[in-house]
Amino acid sequence: MPGIGAPELLIVLVIVIIIFGVGRIGKVGKELGTGIREFRKGVSGDEEKPAASDDKPKS
């Protein structure tokens, strides 16, 4: 099975531009990156800890 070369990548890029338009490619890329980042966090089990909690007992 041959690898993906420059002509194939060019064809895919043209199809993406036709589907999403030139103006939305940046937005789509950003959302895709955010989704991948959140997926990796979910798979690895790394969760953000709350910065400060107001549930501390008061004396």
C-alpha atoms as a PDB file:
ATOM      1  CA  MET A   1       0.000   0.000   0.000  1.00  0.00           C
ATOM      2  CA  PRO A   2       1.665   3.248  -1.085  1.00  0.00           C
ATOM      3  CA  GLY A   3       1.996   6.222   1.251  1.00  0.00           C
ATOM      4  CA  ILE A   4       0.161   9.497   0.958  1.00  0.00           C
ATOM      5  CA  GLY A   5       2.036  11.910  -1.270  1.00  0.00           C
ATOM      6  CA  ALA A   6       1.764  15.563  -2.186  1.00  0.00           C
ATOM      7  CA  PRO A   7      -0.885  15.107  -4.918  1.00  0.00           C
ATOM      8  CA  GLU A   8      -3.208  13.268  -2.543  1.00  0.00           C
ATOM      9  CA  LEU A   9      -2.787  15.902   0.171  1.00  0.00           C
ATOM     10  CA  LEU A  10      -3.492  18.640  -2.353  1.00  0.00           C
ATOM     11  CA  ILE A  11      -6.717  16.933  -3.430  1.00  0.00           C
ATOM     12  CA  VAL A  12      -7.841  16.572   0.202  1.00  0.00           C
ATOM     13  CA  LEU A  13      -7.041  20.259   0.854  1.00  0.00           C
ATOM     14  CA  VAL A  14      -9.091  21.359  -2.166  1.00  0.00           C
ATOM     15  CA  ILE A  15     -12.050  19.252  -1.019  1.00  0.00           C
ATOM     16  CA  VAL A  16     -11.844  20.723   2.506  1.00  0.00           C
ATOM     17  CA  ILE A  17     -11.773  24.251   1.089  1.00  0.00           C
ATOM     18  CA  ILE A  18     -14.818  23.488  -1.062  1.00  0.00           C
ATOM     19  CA  ILE A  19     -16.766  22.030   1.870  1.00  0.00           C
ATOM     20  CA  PHE A  20     -15.891  24.514   4.632  1.00  0.00           C
ATOM     21  CA  GLY A  21     -14.803  27.608   2.732  1.00  0.00           C
ATOM     22  CA  VAL A  22     -11.617  29.588   3.173  1.00  0.00           C
ATOM     23  CA  GLY A  23     -12.851  31.669   6.118  1.00  0.00           C
ATOM     24  CA  ARG A  24     -13.898  28.752   8.318  1.00  0.00           C
ATOM     25  CA  ILE A  25     -10.816  26.538   7.980  1.00  0.00           C
ATOM     26  CA  GLY A  26      -9.091  28.200  10.953  1.00  0.00           C
ATOM     27  CA  LYS A  27     -12.161  27.841  13.147  1.00  0.00           C
ATOM     28  CA  VAL A  28     -12.601  24.190  12.190  1.00  0.00           C
ATOM     29  CA  GLY A  29      -8.931  23.485  12.935  1.00  0.00           C
ATOM     30  CA  LYS A  30      -9.164  25.163  16.332  1.00  0.00           C
ATOM     31  CA  GLU A  31     -12.285  23.189  17.279  1.00  0.00           C
ATOM     32  CA  LEU A  32     -10.689  19.968  16.102  1.00  0.00           C
ATOM     33  CA  GLY A  33      -7.597  20.643  18.203  1.00  0.00           C
ATOM     34  CA  THR A  34      -9.713  21.422  21.265  1.00  0.00           C
ATOM     35  CA  GLY A  35     -11.688  18.232  20.797  1.00  0.00           C
ATOM     36  CA  ILE A  36      -8.564  16.101  20.482  1.00  0.00           C
ATOM     37  CA  ARG A  37      -7.064  17.738  23.589  1.00  0.00           C
ATOM     38  CA  GLU A  38     -10.217  17.050  25.641  1.00  0.00           C
ATOM     39  CA  PHE A  39     -10.349  13.475  24.374  1.00  0.00           C
ATOM     40  CA  ARG A  40      -6.756  12.854  25.458  1.00  0.00           C
ATOM     41  CA  LYS A  41      -7.479  14.307  28.901  1.00  0.00           C
ATOM     42  CA  GLY A  42     -10.499  12.047  29.245  1.00  0.00           C
ATOM     43  CA  VAL A  43      -8.648   8.926  28.167  1.00  0.00           C
ATOM     44  CA  SER A  44      -5.623   9.529  30.383  1.00  0.00           C
ATOM     45  CA  GLY A  45      -7.780  10.347  33.407  1.00  0.00           C
ATOM     46  CA  ASP A  46      -6.102  13.684  34.050  1.00  0.00           C
ATOM     47  CA  GLU A  47      -8.755  15.964  35.433  1.00  0.00           C
ATOM     48  CA  GLU A  48      -8.289  19.543  36.412  1.00  0.00           C
ATOM     49  CA  LYS A  49      -8.507  20.079  40.142  1.00  0.00           C
ATOM     50  CA  PRO A  50     -10.731  22.896  41.365  1.00  0.00           C
ATOM     51  CA  ALA A  51      -8.707  26.015  42.085  1.00  0.00           C
ATOM     52  CA  ALA A  52     -10.461  27.066  45.289  1.00  0.00           C
ATOM     53  CA  SER A  53     -13.340  25.596  47.196  1.00  0.00           C
ATOM     54  CA  ASP A  54     -15.827  27.607  49.233  1.00  0.00           C
ATOM     55  CA  ASP A  55     -16.949  24.482  51.096  1.00  0.00           C
ATOM     56  CA  LYS A  56     -14.280  24.824  53.799  1.00  0.00           C
ATOM     57  CA  PRO A  57     -15.616  24.483  57.334  1.00  0.00           C
ATOM     58  CA  LYS A  58     -15.675  27.771  59.160  1.00  0.00           C
ATOM     59  CA  SER A  59     -14.662  27.907  62.800  1.00  0.00           C
END
